[in-house]
Amino acid sequence: MAYTSIIPVSRLDNSITYIRNKDKTTKKGQSAGSLEEAIDYAMNRDKTERSIFEDAIGCVCETAYQDMVATKKRYHKMDGVQGFHLVQSFAKGEVTPELAHRIGMELAKRLLQGKYEAVITTHLNTEHYHNHIVFNSVSMEDGKKYHSNSRSYYEDVRKASDALCLKYGLSVIEPKNGKGKSYAQWMAEQDGKPTWRTSIRLDIRDAVAESFTWKQFLDQMKQRGYQWKLNRKYIALKAPGMERYIRLRSLGKNYSEEGIRQWILQPKSRTPAGKEGASRPPKKKLKGIQALYYSYLYQMGVLKQKPKRISPVLRADIRKLDARIEQMEFLQKHQITTREELLVYRIPLEEQVQALTKERKRLYRSEPDSARIGQITEELKPLRKDIRLCIRIEQQSREMEEKMRLAEQIQRQAEQEEQTEKNRQPRTESR
């Protein structure tokens, strides 16, 4: 069984240096189990004379990079992709170093037809022997460039590799749904280890269980060592120890940003240990602006239960989802259901801010080095945050009411048009 992958490279010199690493291509000394085995091993000329597994096509290993550059200059094609790096990895214990290298050489010859300079090495530094083939992007025969895409991969690279595996009695990877697996994922599965993606999914589940907003979820993942790329069409993340970012949606249907946001909004179990059978108190019916916020989130289509139609007016507000959830949590935490109650809650906060600010101003003049100044600054932060939140809720709840009314009008109009269309159909058919 051989796994193959091919990637374009922009630095041929780095790729060639990497694959010719003697620590990877040199067979390590083996301890003989008996004198007979030691003699047999010593007398095997193929093994004793061939302890380093590297070859070249159309060039010399030691000057491969210079040879490839010379070809590019000859045909005036120094720009773009400089070459390609093909990896062919075998299942643990399925091939000897000699057979692995032979297959790598035959693969390079079949694939490149002698038109492109190439360096072929076999790495023995892991339990899965694997070939590296780095070849020029420009043909030394006619100057044409090699084009690599998904079609050429399956029709040329994968097909040739599978044919060679069958030729030498090796197993072949059966594709699932026409999609391949990453090298790390395939290697992990061969070793019986969980893949990166499995670990990431488990971390996401744990983080979601401890989060009530998207921001909290991101923070939870960061605490677990994850890094994010957020300001892009498709959000990407990188787990601790990973070299590359992967798109969130590549983890599965329910792991897209929208899927996780909905997941976060689902009710979370808070049942204490040993109380699983205890009856839960009935849920309180939401009132006032709490009900407004819940209805708004429902109409946006972000809750588990969804409306028949998701209003485009409200759906466009999805970018403010975190803010809406934060405001909803604030209202529930402080049991605020009306704007009057919101004002009653806010006034004492503003009075506290005014008093603390006055005290700090006095200290700046009389005791500029006082530690109390720093304490006041820290006390002011949560107070001002709550005040800002109250002001936003008051303003934005009115905007939400207006959008809800507009969405209802649009929905009624759409329903009327549908009904009118239904009423017309029988008359049309009777004619």
Protein backbone atom coordinates (compact mmCIF):
# COMPACT_ATOMS: atom_id res chain seq x y z
CA MET A 1 0.00 0.00 0.00
CA ALA A 2 1.44 3.39 -0.96
CA TYR A 3 0.14 6.81 -0.08
CA THR A 4 1.06 9.57 -2.55
CA SER A 5 0.91 13.34 -2.48
CA ILE A 6 2.36 16.03 -4.72
CA ILE A 7 2.89 19.70 -3.93
CA PRO A 8 4.40 22.61 -5.90
CA VAL A 9 7.59 24.12 -4.48
CA SER A 10 9.01 27.61 -4.79
CA ARG A 11 12.50 26.78 -3.44
CA LEU A 12 14.01 23.82 -5.28
CA ASP A 13 17.31 24.11 -3.41
CA ASN A 14 15.59 23.67 -0.03
CA SER A 15 13.56 20.69 -1.23
CA ILE A 16 16.58 18.92 -2.71
CA THR A 17 18.66 19.54 0.42
CA TYR A 18 15.87 18.15 2.59
CA ILE A 19 15.31 14.93 0.67
CA ARG A 20 19.07 14.21 0.41
CA ASN A 21 19.50 14.28 4.20
CA LYS A 22 21.86 11.37 4.89
CA ASP A 23 20.30 10.78 8.31
CA LYS A 24 17.09 9.90 6.52
CA THR A 25 18.41 8.05 3.44
CA THR A 26 21.13 5.94 5.09
CA LYS A 27 20.28 2.51 6.39
CA LYS A 28 21.13 2.19 10.09
CA GLY A 29 23.38 -0.62 11.26
CA GLN A 30 21.46 -3.73 12.28
CA SER A 31 22.33 -6.16 15.04
CA ALA A 32 22.34 -9.76 13.86
CA GLY A 33 20.30 -12.27 15.78
CA SER A 34 22.90 -14.97 15.13
CA LEU A 35 26.29 -15.52 13.48
CA GLU A 36 24.56 -17.05 10.46
CA GLU A 37 22.43 -13.95 10.00
CA ALA A 38 25.48 -11.72 10.34
CA ILE A 39 27.35 -13.68 7.64
CA ASP A 40 24.34 -13.69 5.31
CA TYR A 41 23.95 -9.94 5.82
CA ALA A 42 27.65 -9.26 5.18
CA MET A 43 27.68 -11.37 2.03
CA ASN A 44 24.67 -9.63 0.52
CA ARG A 45 26.44 -7.31 -1.96
CA ASP A 46 23.25 -5.43 -2.80
CA LYS A 47 22.92 -4.33 0.82
CA THR A 48 26.53 -3.73 1.68
CA GLU A 49 27.24 -1.70 -1.43
CA ARG A 50 23.98 0.20 -1.35
CA SER A 51 23.43 1.71 2.08
CA ILE A 52 22.36 5.15 0.79
CA PHE A 53 19.20 5.30 -1.30
CA GLU A 54 19.27 8.23 -3.69
CA ASP A 55 19.30 8.53 -7.47
CA ALA A 56 18.78 11.15 -10.13
CA ILE A 57 17.24 11.32 -13.60
CA GLY A 58 18.62 13.76 -16.17
CA CYS A 59 21.03 15.30 -13.68
CA VAL A 60 23.55 14.50 -10.93
CA CYS A 61 22.45 14.41 -7.29
CA GLU A 62 25.25 16.70 -6.14
CA THR A 63 24.46 19.38 -8.76
CA ALA A 64 20.73 18.73 -9.25
CA TYR A 65 19.64 22.24 -8.32
CA GLN A 66 22.16 23.90 -10.64
CA ASP A 67 21.16 21.54 -13.46
CA MET A 68 17.47 22.39 -13.02
CA VAL A 69 18.15 26.13 -12.95
CA ALA A 70 20.23 25.81 -16.12
CA THR A 71 17.24 24.22 -17.88
CA LYS A 72 14.97 27.07 -16.76
CA LYS A 73 17.43 29.67 -18.02
CA ARG A 74 17.78 27.89 -21.35
CA TYR A 75 14.04 28.17 -21.95
CA HIS A 76 13.63 31.56 -20.19
CA LYS A 77 11.20 30.17 -17.62
CA MET A 78 12.52 31.30 -14.26
CA ASP A 79 9.17 32.49 -12.87
CA GLY A 80 6.24 30.69 -11.29
CA VAL A 81 6.34 27.25 -9.69
CA GLN A 82 9.95 26.08 -9.59
CA GLY A 83 9.32 22.37 -9.19
CA PHE A 84 7.26 19.66 -7.54
CA HIS A 85 7.79 17.46 -4.51
CA LEU A 86 6.12 14.05 -4.63
CA VAL A 87 5.93 11.80 -1.56
CA GLN A 88 5.18 8.08 -1.79
CA SER A 89 4.80 6.35 1.58
CA PHE A 90 4.38 2.64 2.24
CA ALA A 91 2.56 0.77 4.99
CA LYS A 92 4.65 -0.35 7.93
CA GLY A 93 6.62 -3.54 7.22
CA GLU A 94 5.27 -3.96 3.68
CA VAL A 95 8.47 -3.15 1.75
CA THR A 96 12.22 -3.39 2.15
CA PRO A 97 14.32 -0.25 1.58
CA GLU A 98 15.49 -1.72 -1.73
CA LEU A 99 11.98 -2.40 -3.01
CA ALA A 100 10.73 0.98 -1.85
CA HIS A 101 13.52 2.72 -3.74
CA ARG A 102 13.00 0.60 -6.84
CA ILE A 103 9.31 1.51 -6.89
CA GLY A 104 10.21 5.18 -6.43
CA MET A 105 12.57 5.06 -9.40
CA GLU A 106 10.00 3.34 -11.59
CA LEU A 107 7.33 5.83 -10.55
CA ALA A 108 9.56 8.76 -11.50
CA LYS A 109 10.35 7.20 -14.89
CA ARG A 110 6.69 6.44 -15.66
CA LEU A 111 5.46 9.82 -14.54
CA LEU A 112 8.13 12.07 -16.03
CA GLN A 113 9.01 10.05 -19.15
CA GLY A 114 12.62 11.24 -18.92
CA LYS A 115 11.59 14.83 -19.71
CA TYR A 116 12.23 16.45 -16.32
CA GLU A 117 15.31 16.39 -14.10
CA ALA A 118 14.49 14.62 -10.86
CA VAL A 119 16.09 13.51 -7.61
CA ILE A 120 14.69 10.33 -6.04
CA THR A 121 15.49 9.38 -2.44
CA THR A 122 14.10 6.82 -0.03
CA HIS A 123 13.81 7.87 3.62
CA LEU A 124 14.24 5.18 6.24
CA ASN A 125 13.97 7.34 9.34
CA THR A 126 10.42 6.21 10.18
CA GLU A 127 8.67 2.85 10.35
CA HIS A 128 6.92 3.79 7.11
CA TYR A 129 9.59 3.83 4.41
CA HIS A 130 8.82 6.60 1.97
CA ASN A 131 10.14 8.00 -1.29
CA HIS A 132 10.70 11.65 -2.08
CA ILE A 133 10.79 12.72 -5.71
CA VAL A 134 11.67 16.35 -6.41
CA PHE A 135 11.54 17.29 -10.08
CA ASN A 136 11.90 20.37 -12.24
CA SER A 137 8.79 22.20 -13.41
CA VAL A 138 10.40 22.86 -16.82
CA SER A 139 11.05 20.05 -19.29
CA MET A 140 14.69 19.67 -20.33
CA GLU A 141 13.42 18.21 -23.62
CA ASP A 142 11.12 20.95 -24.94
CA GLY A 143 10.81 23.60 -22.21
CA LYS A 144 7.16 22.83 -21.50
CA LYS A 145 5.97 23.19 -17.92
CA TYR A 146 4.57 20.35 -15.86
CA HIS A 147 0.99 21.02 -14.76
CA SER A 148 -0.25 19.49 -11.52
CA ASN A 149 -3.92 19.43 -10.55
CA SER A 150 -6.44 17.00 -9.06
CA ARG A 151 -7.05 15.39 -12.43
CA SER A 152 -3.36 14.82 -13.19
CA TYR A 153 -2.89 13.51 -9.65
CA TYR A 154 -5.56 10.80 -9.91
CA GLU A 155 -4.95 9.96 -13.58
CA ASP A 156 -1.15 10.06 -13.51
CA VAL A 157 0.46 9.98 -10.06
CA ARG A 158 -2.03 7.88 -8.14
CA LYS A 159 -2.69 5.56 -11.07
CA ALA A 160 1.01 4.92 -11.69
CA SER A 161 1.73 4.36 -7.99
CA ASP A 162 -1.16 1.92 -7.60
CA ALA A 163 -0.07 0.01 -10.72
CA LEU A 164 3.44 -0.41 -9.30
CA CYS A 165 2.06 -1.57 -5.96
CA LEU A 166 0.00 -4.22 -7.73
CA LYS A 167 3.02 -5.19 -9.83
CA TYR A 168 5.02 -5.95 -6.69
CA GLY A 169 2.16 -7.55 -4.77
CA LEU A 170 1.47 -4.64 -2.42
CA SER A 171 -1.95 -3.50 -1.26
CA VAL A 172 -3.62 -0.39 -2.68
CA ILE A 173 -5.44 2.36 -0.77
CA GLU A 174 -9.12 2.33 -1.63
CA PRO A 175 -10.38 5.90 -2.11
CA LYS A 176 -13.50 6.99 -0.24
CA ASN A 177 -15.87 9.34 -2.08
CA GLY A 178 -13.02 10.23 -4.42
CA LYS A 179 -11.18 12.11 -1.69
CA GLY A 180 -7.71 11.41 -0.39
CA LYS A 181 -6.33 11.85 3.12
CA SER A 182 -3.54 14.04 4.35
CA TYR A 183 -0.19 12.36 4.97
CA ALA A 184 -0.34 12.99 8.73
CA GLN A 185 -3.88 11.66 8.90
CA TRP A 186 -3.02 8.50 6.95
CA MET A 187 0.11 7.89 9.04
CA ALA A 188 -1.80 8.37 12.28
CA GLU A 189 -4.44 5.87 11.21
CA GLN A 190 -1.76 3.37 10.23
CA ASP A 191 -0.27 3.62 13.71
CA GLY A 192 -3.67 3.31 15.37
CA LYS A 193 -3.49 6.84 16.77
CA PRO A 194 -6.31 9.39 16.71
CA THR A 195 -5.93 11.89 13.87
CA TRP A 196 -5.39 15.60 14.34
CA ARG A 197 -8.96 16.21 13.25
CA THR A 198 -10.37 13.84 15.85
CA SER A 199 -8.45 15.62 18.61
CA ILE A 200 -9.57 19.03 17.35
CA ARG A 201 -13.22 17.94 17.27
CA LEU A 202 -12.97 16.72 20.88
CA ASP A 203 -11.44 20.03 21.98
CA ILE A 204 -14.18 21.94 20.17
CA ARG A 205 -16.86 19.92 21.95
CA ASP A 206 -15.30 20.63 25.33
CA ALA A 207 -14.93 24.34 24.55
CA VAL A 208 -18.55 24.61 23.36
CA ALA A 209 -19.76 22.98 26.58
CA GLU A 210 -18.09 25.77 28.57
CA SER A 211 -19.15 28.67 26.34
CA PHE A 212 -22.25 30.80 26.00
CA THR A 213 -20.99 33.11 23.24
CA TRP A 214 -18.75 32.83 20.19
CA LYS A 215 -16.15 35.03 21.89
CA GLN A 216 -16.08 32.76 24.92
CA PHE A 217 -15.63 29.78 22.62
CA LEU A 218 -12.64 31.39 20.90
CA ASP A 219 -11.11 32.20 24.29
CA GLN A 220 -11.64 28.63 25.48
CA MET A 221 -9.86 27.30 22.40
CA LYS A 222 -7.01 29.78 22.85
CA GLN A 223 -6.60 28.58 26.43
CA ARG A 224 -6.13 25.10 24.97
CA GLY A 225 -3.30 26.42 22.80
CA TYR A 226 -5.17 26.94 19.52
CA GLN A 227 -4.42 29.78 17.11
CA TRP A 228 -7.00 31.37 14.82
CA LYS A 229 -7.24 33.15 11.48
CA LEU A 230 -10.58 34.92 11.75
CA ASN A 231 -10.75 37.82 9.29
CA ARG A 232 -11.27 35.71 6.19
CA LYS A 233 -14.03 34.02 4.22
CA TYR A 234 -13.31 30.62 5.78
CA ILE A 235 -12.10 30.65 9.39
CA ALA A 236 -9.00 28.53 10.02
CA LEU A 237 -7.37 27.22 13.18
CA LYS A 238 -4.15 25.51 14.17
CA ALA A 239 -3.79 23.06 17.04
CA PRO A 240 -0.72 23.01 19.31
CA GLY A 241 2.01 21.12 17.47
CA MET A 242 0.47 21.50 14.02
CA GLU A 243 2.49 23.21 11.30
CA ARG A 244 -0.39 24.43 9.16
CA TYR A 245 -3.81 25.96 9.67
CA ILE A 246 -6.88 24.03 8.58
CA ARG A 247 -10.29 25.40 7.72
CA LEU A 248 -12.85 24.98 10.45
CA ARG A 249 -15.46 23.68 8.03
CA SER A 250 -13.11 20.89 6.89
CA LEU A 251 -13.74 19.17 10.24
CA GLY A 252 -17.28 18.28 9.19
CA LYS A 253 -20.75 19.64 8.54
CA ASN A 254 -21.42 20.60 12.17
CA TYR A 255 -18.04 22.24 12.70
CA SER A 256 -18.45 25.31 10.50
CA GLU A 257 -18.64 28.71 12.19
CA GLU A 258 -22.42 28.78 11.81
CA GLY A 259 -22.73 25.21 13.10
CA ILE A 260 -20.65 25.95 16.20
CA ARG A 261 -22.54 29.20 16.85
CA GLN A 262 -25.81 27.25 16.86
CA TRP A 263 -24.25 24.58 19.03
CA ILE A 264 -23.21 27.20 21.59
CA LEU A 265 -26.78 28.49 21.82
CA GLN A 266 -28.21 25.09 22.70
CA PRO A 267 -29.15 24.59 26.37
CA LYS A 268 -26.35 23.16 28.48
CA SER A 269 -26.83 20.65 31.24
CA ARG A 270 -26.02 22.03 34.68
CA THR A 271 -27.19 19.00 36.65
CA PRO A 272 -24.87 18.38 39.64
CA ALA A 273 -23.17 15.02 39.96
CA GLY A 274 -25.42 12.44 41.60
CA LYS A 275 -28.55 14.49 40.83
CA GLU A 276 -29.22 13.16 37.34
CA GLY A 277 -32.65 11.86 38.31
CA ALA A 278 -33.76 15.01 40.10
CA SER A 279 -36.61 16.90 38.54
CA ARG A 280 -35.77 20.26 37.04
CA PRO A 281 -37.67 23.41 37.94
CA PRO A 282 -40.01 24.59 35.19
CA LYS A 283 -38.60 27.21 32.83
CA LYS A 284 -39.83 30.74 33.41
CA LYS A 285 -41.68 32.35 30.55
CA LEU A 286 -39.68 35.22 29.11
CA LYS A 287 -41.21 38.68 29.22
CA GLY A 288 -40.54 42.15 27.87
CA ILE A 289 -37.22 42.80 26.19
CA GLN A 290 -35.95 39.35 27.22
CA ALA A 291 -38.72 37.86 25.09
CA LEU A 292 -37.82 40.34 22.34
CA TYR A 293 -34.21 39.17 22.28
CA TYR A 294 -35.16 35.49 22.28
CA SER A 295 -37.68 36.01 19.48
CA TYR A 296 -35.10 37.99 17.52
CA LEU A 297 -32.52 35.19 17.80
CA TYR A 298 -35.18 32.68 16.79
CA GLN A 299 -36.18 34.70 13.73
CA MET A 300 -32.49 35.03 12.80
CA GLY A 301 -32.43 31.23 12.52
CA VAL A 302 -29.57 30.70 14.98
CA LEU A 303 -31.48 28.65 17.56
CA LYS A 304 -31.99 24.90 17.37
CA GLN A 305 -35.65 25.38 16.48
CA LYS A 306 -36.04 27.47 13.35
CA PRO A 307 -38.87 29.46 11.78
CA LYS A 308 -40.46 28.40 8.49
CA ARG A 309 -38.83 31.37 6.83
CA ILE A 310 -35.67 33.16 7.93
CA SER A 311 -36.13 36.84 7.28
CA PRO A 312 -33.30 38.35 5.20
CA VAL A 313 -33.74 41.56 7.22
CA LEU A 314 -32.82 39.76 10.44
CA ARG A 315 -30.41 37.29 8.87
CA ALA A 316 -28.24 40.21 7.77
CA ASP A 317 -27.75 41.00 11.47
CA ILE A 318 -25.80 37.75 12.02
CA ARG A 319 -22.56 39.71 12.32
CA LYS A 320 -23.91 41.15 15.58
CA LEU A 321 -24.80 37.74 16.99
CA ASP A 322 -22.20 37.80 19.78
CA ALA A 323 -23.41 41.22 20.92
CA ARG A 324 -27.05 40.08 20.89
CA ILE A 325 -26.23 37.01 22.99
CA GLU A 326 -24.18 39.09 25.44
CA GLN A 327 -27.07 41.51 25.85
CA MET A 328 -29.54 38.67 26.35
CA GLU A 329 -27.33 37.12 29.04
CA PHE A 330 -27.02 40.49 30.78
CA LEU A 331 -30.79 40.94 30.90
CA GLN A 332 -31.33 37.46 32.30
CA LYS A 333 -28.52 37.77 34.84
CA HIS A 334 -29.97 40.97 36.31
CA GLN A 335 -33.63 39.96 35.77
CA ILE A 336 -34.35 43.02 33.64
CA THR A 337 -37.46 42.79 31.48
CA THR A 338 -38.31 46.42 30.63
CA ARG A 339 -36.44 49.55 29.60
CA GLU A 340 -37.63 51.22 32.80
CA GLU A 341 -35.92 48.50 34.85
CA LEU A 342 -32.84 48.95 32.68
CA LEU A 343 -32.77 52.65 33.56
CA VAL A 344 -33.27 51.89 37.26
CA TYR A 345 -30.28 49.53 37.10
CA ARG A 346 -28.12 52.05 35.24
CA ILE A 347 -28.61 55.16 37.39
CA PRO A 348 -26.80 53.84 40.52
CA LEU A 349 -23.90 52.71 38.33
CA GLU A 350 -23.53 56.19 36.88
CA GLU A 351 -23.61 57.66 40.39
CA GLN A 352 -20.84 55.26 41.47
CA VAL A 353 -18.76 56.20 38.44
CA GLN A 354 -19.23 59.88 39.19
CA ALA A 355 -18.17 59.44 42.83
CA LEU A 356 -15.13 57.30 41.99
CA THR A 357 -14.02 59.66 39.23
CA LYS A 358 -14.25 62.58 41.63
CA GLU A 359 -12.21 60.71 44.24
CA ARG A 360 -9.54 59.77 41.69
CA LYS A 361 -9.29 63.36 40.47
CA ARG A 362 -8.72 64.53 44.04
CA LEU A 363 -6.00 61.92 44.57
CA TYR A 364 -4.25 62.93 41.34
CA ARG A 365 -3.83 66.40 42.85
CA SER A 366 -3.06 65.56 46.48
CA GLU A 367 -1.49 62.06 46.36
CA PRO A 368 -0.36 61.28 42.79
CA ASP A 369 1.56 58.18 43.96
CA SER A 370 -1.35 56.69 45.89
CA ALA A 371 -2.11 53.01 45.23
CA ARG A 372 -5.79 53.87 45.54
CA ILE A 373 -5.69 55.51 42.09
CA GLY A 374 -5.01 52.17 40.45
CA GLN A 375 -7.72 50.49 42.51
CA ILE A 376 -10.28 53.08 41.42
CA THR A 377 -9.31 52.61 37.78
CA GLU A 378 -9.95 48.87 38.06
CA GLU A 379 -13.28 49.46 39.86
CA LEU A 380 -14.41 51.81 37.10
CA LYS A 381 -13.88 49.32 34.26
CA PRO A 382 -16.78 46.90 35.00
CA LEU A 383 -19.08 49.77 35.98
CA ARG A 384 -18.50 51.60 32.72
CA LYS A 385 -18.84 48.38 30.76
CA ASP A 386 -22.27 47.71 32.29
CA ILE A 387 -23.35 51.30 31.63
CA ARG A 388 -22.34 51.04 27.97
CA LEU A 389 -24.19 47.74 27.73
CA CYS A 390 -27.34 49.29 29.21
CA ILE A 391 -27.21 52.16 26.71
CA ARG A 392 -26.71 49.77 23.79
CA ILE A 393 -29.58 47.55 24.90
CA GLU A 394 -31.91 50.53 25.17
CA GLN A 395 -30.98 51.79 21.71
CA GLN A 396 -30.62 48.49 19.89
CA SER A 397 -33.73 46.89 21.37
CA ARG A 398 -35.74 49.65 19.68
CA GLU A 399 -33.93 48.94 16.40
CA MET A 400 -34.70 45.24 16.83
CA GLU A 401 -38.40 45.97 17.35
CA GLU A 402 -38.43 48.00 14.15
CA LYS A 403 -36.66 45.24 12.22
CA MET A 404 -39.07 42.66 13.61
CA ARG A 405 -42.03 44.75 12.42
CA LEU A 406 -40.44 45.11 8.99
CA ALA A 407 -39.74 41.37 8.83
CA GLU A 408 -43.38 40.63 9.75
CA GLN A 409 -44.61 42.94 6.99
CA ILE A 410 -42.37 41.24 4.44
CA GLN A 411 -43.54 37.83 5.61
CA ARG A 412 -47.22 38.78 5.43
CA GLN A 413 -46.69 40.18 1.95
CA ALA A 414 -44.94 36.98 0.85
CA GLU A 415 -47.76 34.85 2.30
CA GLN A 416 -50.38 36.97 0.52
CA GLU A 417 -48.53 36.60 -2.78
CA GLU A 418 -48.34 32.84 -2.28
CA GLN A 419 -52.03 32.66 -1.50
CA THR A 420 -52.86 34.76 -4.55
CA GLU A 421 -50.76 32.44 -6.69
CA LYS A 422 -52.53 29.38 -5.27
CA ASN A 423 -55.94 30.92 -5.97
CA ARG A 424 -54.96 31.54 -9.58
CA GLN A 425 -53.79 28.00 -10.28
CA PRO A 426 -57.22 26.23 -10.27
CA ARG A 427 -58.68 28.82 -12.67
CA THR A 428 -55.69 28.46 -14.96
CA GLU A 429 -55.95 24.67 -14.95
CA SER A 430 -59.72 24.74 -15.64
CA ARG A 431 -59.13 26.82 -18.74
